[in-house]
């Protein structure tokens, strides 16, 4: 059937020349009267590479049949990250190159959404924020409640983020997976 490129949105998946692409950024550029171009930044879901594509507004792409499935992150071994469907116990491995930046946010037992085409896991969608425990950070500074002074903290999954000076080991923090930044302390 095909999809008009003007219908593409962030997160949409389409196929072109046998490759599966997920839209990371969508931009409609108007040119003079009427016409225009659609410029998309896409991730190749099989190779992990990110490229830009430009289409005329009337162009069509093949819609990819993608299913979203809840899964749990289990562990990683070498270059492979393993996820499991909590209902069927089916396991889906994804390579580090496909996961890209998402890999650094993973922690054992984390619930994610897998994008699946047939029986092939394509990529993972993370929650917008994830709660971690601080495993190592500098000493807390009493009385330093100034909210814009930060120090580095290593979280329980190895991720390093900047946290306020008053935070200490063992405390929980919420991190935004879209920016990689500390959001708030969690009780």
Foldseek 3Di string as FASTA:
>chain_A
DWDQPVPADQQFWFDDPNWIKGFHDWDWADDDPDWTKIKTWIAGLVQLDIDIDIDTRRDTTGGADKDKAKWFWAQDDDQWTWIARVVPRDIAIDGCSNAPLVVLVHDGGAIWIFIDHPNHTRYIHHDQKDKWFFADWDDADPPQPPQPDWTWTQTPSRQIETHDSRDDGGWMFMAGSVVRYTDGTDD
